[in-house]
């Protein structure tokens, strides 16, 4: 499993970022929040020279194995190497940081081009059905705060502007989450912290039944499951 879905789900998203930023042979890329290096691997495969940073030492160690050609360090996204870099990326990072404006402002300070990705709105992502399946054992949903989340296009544009970036494009990319069969689908639930918590309350049999019933409309002819999810790709330049 990747950090947010089944392994390989991010390939269309990574390709969209690399195409939109014209990454190719010799491009210097700074990958903020590099995780286990899957985006860095895709960039390196196009000939880029990648530097990656992440606050998780275990993820950085995995990235160094995944991309031995790259340079990786345990550092905060707001304290990256000095650069300059041709492209700075924040792939699925902004929703995990306290101050997305500060992260993008830092990126603008060291990169000629900045790219960031976020999930689409909840209703644009089939992955929401997992939460719907678990809802009977969860508390009432938390009210949305103010300002709106960066998954809203207008909010993402505003965050970029506050960071001193001029937005060149904001694209939608659909990434399917494919599960080969029931066991792979259920494994993704039972391995998650939320699934484990619900499993302790409801029991594994009830949890299994609820998930399979809610996911039945997403079953494929081959017996697997496909959930389509929208992601946004923002590309901007420092003003």
Protein backbone atom coordinates (compact mmCIF):
# COMPACT_ATOMS: atom_id res chain seq x y z
CA UNK A 1 0.00 0.00 0.00
CA UNK A 2 1.06 3.59 -0.69
CA UNK A 3 0.45 6.20 1.97
CA UNK A 4 -3.06 6.99 0.67
CA UNK A 5 -4.15 3.99 -1.38
CA UNK A 6 -3.16 0.79 -3.17
CA UNK A 7 0.34 0.72 -4.61
CA UNK A 8 0.49 2.30 -8.02
CA UNK A 9 -2.53 4.56 -7.56
CA UNK A 10 -0.36 7.67 -7.83
CA UNK A 11 1.12 6.95 -11.26
CA UNK A 12 -1.40 9.12 -13.18
CA UNK A 13 -0.96 11.94 -10.67
CA UNK A 14 2.83 11.78 -10.81
CA UNK A 15 2.77 11.74 -14.60
CA UNK A 16 0.46 14.78 -14.66
CA UNK A 17 2.81 16.76 -12.39
CA UNK A 18 5.86 15.82 -14.44
CA UNK A 19 4.16 16.70 -17.73
CA UNK A 20 2.77 20.00 -16.43
CA UNK A 21 6.21 21.09 -15.17
CA UNK A 22 8.13 19.77 -18.21
CA UNK A 23 10.45 17.63 -16.10
CA UNK A 24 13.03 15.87 -18.25
CA UNK A 25 16.72 15.02 -18.49
CA UNK A 26 18.80 17.24 -16.24
CA UNK A 27 15.85 18.97 -14.52
CA UNK A 28 16.63 19.64 -10.87
CA UNK A 29 13.67 18.73 -8.68
CA UNK A 30 13.11 19.31 -4.97
CA UNK A 31 10.47 16.92 -3.66
CA UNK A 32 8.99 18.32 -0.44
CA UNK A 33 7.39 15.65 1.74
CA UNK A 34 8.98 12.97 -0.44
CA UNK A 35 7.57 10.05 1.58
CA UNK A 36 8.90 6.71 0.41
CA UNK A 37 10.13 8.14 -2.89
CA UNK A 38 7.51 7.04 -5.41
CA UNK A 39 7.20 10.47 -7.05
CA UNK A 40 10.97 10.87 -6.89
CA UNK A 41 11.30 7.54 -8.69
CA UNK A 42 8.97 8.70 -11.47
CA UNK A 43 10.91 11.98 -11.86
CA UNK A 44 14.26 10.20 -11.88
CA UNK A 45 13.01 7.82 -14.54
CA UNK A 46 12.53 10.90 -16.75
CA UNK A 47 16.14 11.91 -16.22
CA UNK A 48 15.62 14.45 -13.42
CA UNK A 49 18.09 14.98 -10.60
CA UNK A 50 15.98 14.72 -7.46
CA UNK A 51 16.50 15.96 -3.92
CA UNK A 52 13.86 14.90 -1.41
CA UNK A 53 13.07 15.92 2.16
CA UNK A 54 10.63 14.53 4.70
CA UNK A 55 10.21 14.73 8.47
CA UNK A 56 9.79 10.94 8.74
CA UNK A 57 13.20 9.22 9.02
CA UNK A 58 11.75 5.83 8.06
CA UNK A 59 10.19 7.27 4.90
CA UNK A 60 13.46 8.97 3.96
CA UNK A 61 15.30 5.68 4.39
CA UNK A 62 12.80 3.96 2.09
CA UNK A 63 13.12 6.76 -0.47
CA UNK A 64 16.90 6.36 -0.52
CA UNK A 65 16.42 2.68 -1.34
CA UNK A 66 13.71 3.37 -3.93
CA UNK A 67 15.81 6.04 -5.65
CA UNK A 68 19.53 5.42 -5.05
CA UNK A 69 20.33 8.12 -7.62
CA UNK A 70 18.63 10.77 -5.49
CA UNK A 71 19.66 12.79 -2.45
CA UNK A 72 17.34 12.54 0.56
CA UNK A 73 17.38 14.14 3.98
CA UNK A 74 15.27 14.31 7.11
CA UNK A 75 14.17 17.94 7.04
CA UNK A 76 11.03 20.00 7.42
CA UNK A 77 9.37 21.24 4.24
CA UNK A 78 9.80 24.79 5.52
CA UNK A 79 13.57 24.25 5.86
CA UNK A 80 14.67 22.71 2.54
CA UNK A 81 18.09 22.84 0.89
CA UNK A 82 18.94 26.27 -0.51
CA UNK A 83 18.69 25.37 -4.18
CA UNK A 84 17.92 26.87 -6.62
CA UNK A 85 15.85 24.13 -8.23
CA UNK A 86 14.10 24.08 -11.58
CA UNK A 87 10.98 22.53 -10.05
CA UNK A 88 9.79 22.23 -6.45
CA UNK A 89 6.95 19.81 -5.76
CA UNK A 90 4.61 19.23 -2.84
CA UNK A 91 2.75 16.07 -3.85
CA UNK A 92 -0.09 15.35 -1.42
CA UNK A 93 1.66 17.40 1.28
CA UNK A 94 -0.43 20.52 1.85
CA UNK A 95 -3.25 18.81 3.75
CA UNK A 96 -0.70 17.34 6.17
CA UNK A 97 1.00 20.58 7.25
CA UNK A 98 -0.14 23.25 9.70
CA UNK A 99 0.64 26.16 7.37
CA UNK A 100 0.33 25.41 3.64
CA UNK A 101 1.01 29.06 2.80
CA UNK A 102 4.40 28.86 4.53
CA UNK A 103 5.29 25.66 2.68
CA UNK A 104 4.44 27.16 -0.71
CA UNK A 105 6.25 30.39 0.15
CA UNK A 106 9.34 28.37 1.00
CA UNK A 107 8.99 26.50 -2.29
CA UNK A 108 8.69 29.81 -4.15
CA UNK A 109 11.94 30.93 -2.58
CA UNK A 110 14.00 28.06 -3.96
CA UNK A 111 12.22 27.00 -7.15
CA UNK A 112 11.57 28.44 -10.59
CA UNK A 113 8.35 26.41 -10.86
CA UNK A 114 6.21 25.12 -7.99
CA UNK A 115 3.73 22.26 -8.26
CA UNK A 116 1.37 21.03 -5.55
CA UNK A 117 -1.35 18.39 -5.49
CA UNK A 118 -4.35 17.84 -3.23
CA UNK A 119 -7.42 15.60 -3.13
CA UNK A 120 -10.58 16.75 -4.84
CA UNK A 121 -13.72 17.51 -2.90
CA UNK A 122 -15.22 14.66 -0.89
CA UNK A 123 -18.04 14.21 -3.38
CA UNK A 124 -15.50 13.93 -6.21
CA UNK A 125 -13.72 10.98 -4.62
CA UNK A 126 -15.19 7.49 -4.45
CA UNK A 127 -12.86 6.73 -1.55
CA UNK A 128 -15.46 8.46 0.63
CA UNK A 129 -17.52 5.26 0.57
CA UNK A 130 -15.12 3.68 3.05
CA UNK A 131 -16.09 6.34 5.55
CA UNK A 132 -19.74 5.85 4.72
CA UNK A 133 -19.39 2.12 5.44
CA UNK A 134 -17.83 2.84 8.83
CA UNK A 135 -20.22 5.69 9.69
CA UNK A 136 -22.56 3.66 11.94
CA UNK A 137 -19.70 3.19 14.43
CA UNK A 138 -18.27 6.69 14.19
CA UNK A 139 -19.33 9.82 15.98
CA UNK A 140 -21.08 12.71 14.22
CA UNK A 141 -18.93 14.37 11.55
CA UNK A 142 -16.88 17.33 12.66
CA UNK A 143 -18.16 20.66 11.33
CA UNK A 144 -16.09 22.17 8.55
CA UNK A 145 -13.88 24.95 9.80
CA UNK A 146 -13.17 28.33 8.30
CA UNK A 147 -11.44 28.96 5.91
CA UNK A 148 -12.47 26.15 3.54
CA UNK A 149 -10.00 23.32 2.96
CA UNK A 150 -7.35 23.47 0.24
CA UNK A 151 -9.30 20.80 -1.63
CA UNK A 152 -11.52 23.70 -2.77
CA UNK A 153 -10.01 25.16 -5.97
CA UNK A 154 -10.65 28.75 -4.90
CA UNK A 155 -8.94 28.13 -1.56
CA UNK A 156 -5.96 26.46 -3.22
CA UNK A 157 -5.55 29.41 -5.55
CA UNK A 158 -5.80 31.82 -2.62
CA UNK A 159 -3.16 29.91 -0.65
CA UNK A 160 -0.83 30.06 -3.65
CA UNK A 161 -1.39 33.79 -4.03
CA UNK A 162 -0.68 34.40 -0.34
CA UNK A 163 2.58 32.50 -0.82
CA UNK A 164 3.67 34.87 -3.57
CA UNK A 165 2.89 32.56 -6.47
CA UNK A 166 1.15 33.24 -9.74
CA UNK A 167 -0.98 30.27 -10.75
CA UNK A 168 -0.37 29.08 -14.31
CA UNK A 169 -2.75 26.12 -14.29
CA UNK A 170 -4.99 24.10 -12.02
CA UNK A 171 -5.86 20.72 -13.49
CA UNK A 172 -8.01 17.81 -12.35
CA UNK A 173 -6.58 14.30 -12.60
CA UNK A 174 -8.58 11.11 -12.00
CA UNK A 175 -6.69 8.34 -10.22
CA UNK A 176 -8.46 4.99 -9.89
CA UNK A 177 -7.90 2.95 -6.76
CA UNK A 178 -7.94 -0.65 -7.97
CA UNK A 179 -8.30 -3.63 -5.63
CA UNK A 180 -7.89 -7.10 -7.15
CA UNK A 181 -10.43 -8.84 -4.93
CA UNK A 182 -12.34 -8.73 -1.64
CA UNK A 183 -9.32 -9.64 0.45
CA UNK A 184 -7.20 -6.82 -0.93
CA UNK A 185 -10.05 -4.37 -0.43
CA UNK A 186 -10.72 -5.51 3.12
CA UNK A 187 -7.02 -5.60 3.91
CA UNK A 188 -6.81 -1.89 3.15
CA UNK A 189 -9.58 -1.30 5.71
CA UNK A 190 -8.33 -3.61 8.47
CA UNK A 191 -4.79 -2.26 8.15
CA UNK A 192 -5.88 1.34 8.63
CA UNK A 193 -6.00 2.93 12.07
CA UNK A 194 -9.65 3.88 11.60
CA UNK A 195 -10.59 0.39 10.43
CA UNK A 196 -8.85 -1.18 13.40
CA UNK A 197 -10.66 1.14 15.80
CA UNK A 198 -14.04 0.33 14.26
CA UNK A 199 -13.18 -3.37 14.16
CA UNK A 200 -12.65 -3.34 17.91
CA UNK A 201 -16.07 -1.78 18.44
CA UNK A 202 -18.10 -3.61 15.82
CA UNK A 203 -16.19 -6.85 15.42
CA UNK A 204 -14.52 -8.05 12.21
CA UNK A 205 -17.58 -9.85 10.86
CA UNK A 206 -19.83 -6.79 11.04
CA UNK A 207 -17.11 -4.56 9.65
CA UNK A 208 -16.49 -6.91 6.73
CA UNK A 209 -20.18 -7.11 5.92
CA UNK A 210 -20.65 -3.33 6.05
CA UNK A 211 -17.69 -2.63 3.77
CA UNK A 212 -18.61 -5.23 1.16
CA UNK A 213 -22.23 -4.12 1.09
CA UNK A 214 -21.32 -0.43 0.62
CA UNK A 215 -18.66 -1.20 -1.99
CA UNK A 216 -20.80 -3.55 -4.07
CA UNK A 217 -21.62 -0.84 -6.70
CA UNK A 218 -17.89 -0.44 -7.35
CA UNK A 219 -17.27 -4.11 -8.11
CA UNK A 220 -15.81 -4.84 -11.54
CA UNK A 221 -16.69 -7.65 -13.93
CA UNK A 222 -13.41 -9.35 -13.01
CA UNK A 223 -14.38 -9.48 -9.34
CA UNK A 224 -12.21 -6.61 -8.17
CA UNK A 225 -13.12 -3.07 -7.12
CA UNK A 226 -12.40 0.30 -8.72
CA UNK A 227 -12.83 3.65 -6.96
CA UNK A 228 -12.26 6.78 -9.06
CA UNK A 229 -10.84 9.80 -7.23
CA UNK A 230 -10.19 13.35 -8.38
CA UNK A 231 -6.95 15.11 -7.50
CA UNK A 232 -5.93 18.68 -8.26
CA UNK A 233 -2.57 19.67 -9.73
CA UNK A 234 -1.54 23.30 -9.25
CA UNK A 235 1.41 24.72 -11.17
CA UNK A 236 2.66 28.20 -10.32
CA UNK A 237 5.67 30.51 -10.56
CA UNK A 238 7.05 33.03 -8.06
CA UNK A 239 5.80 36.54 -8.75
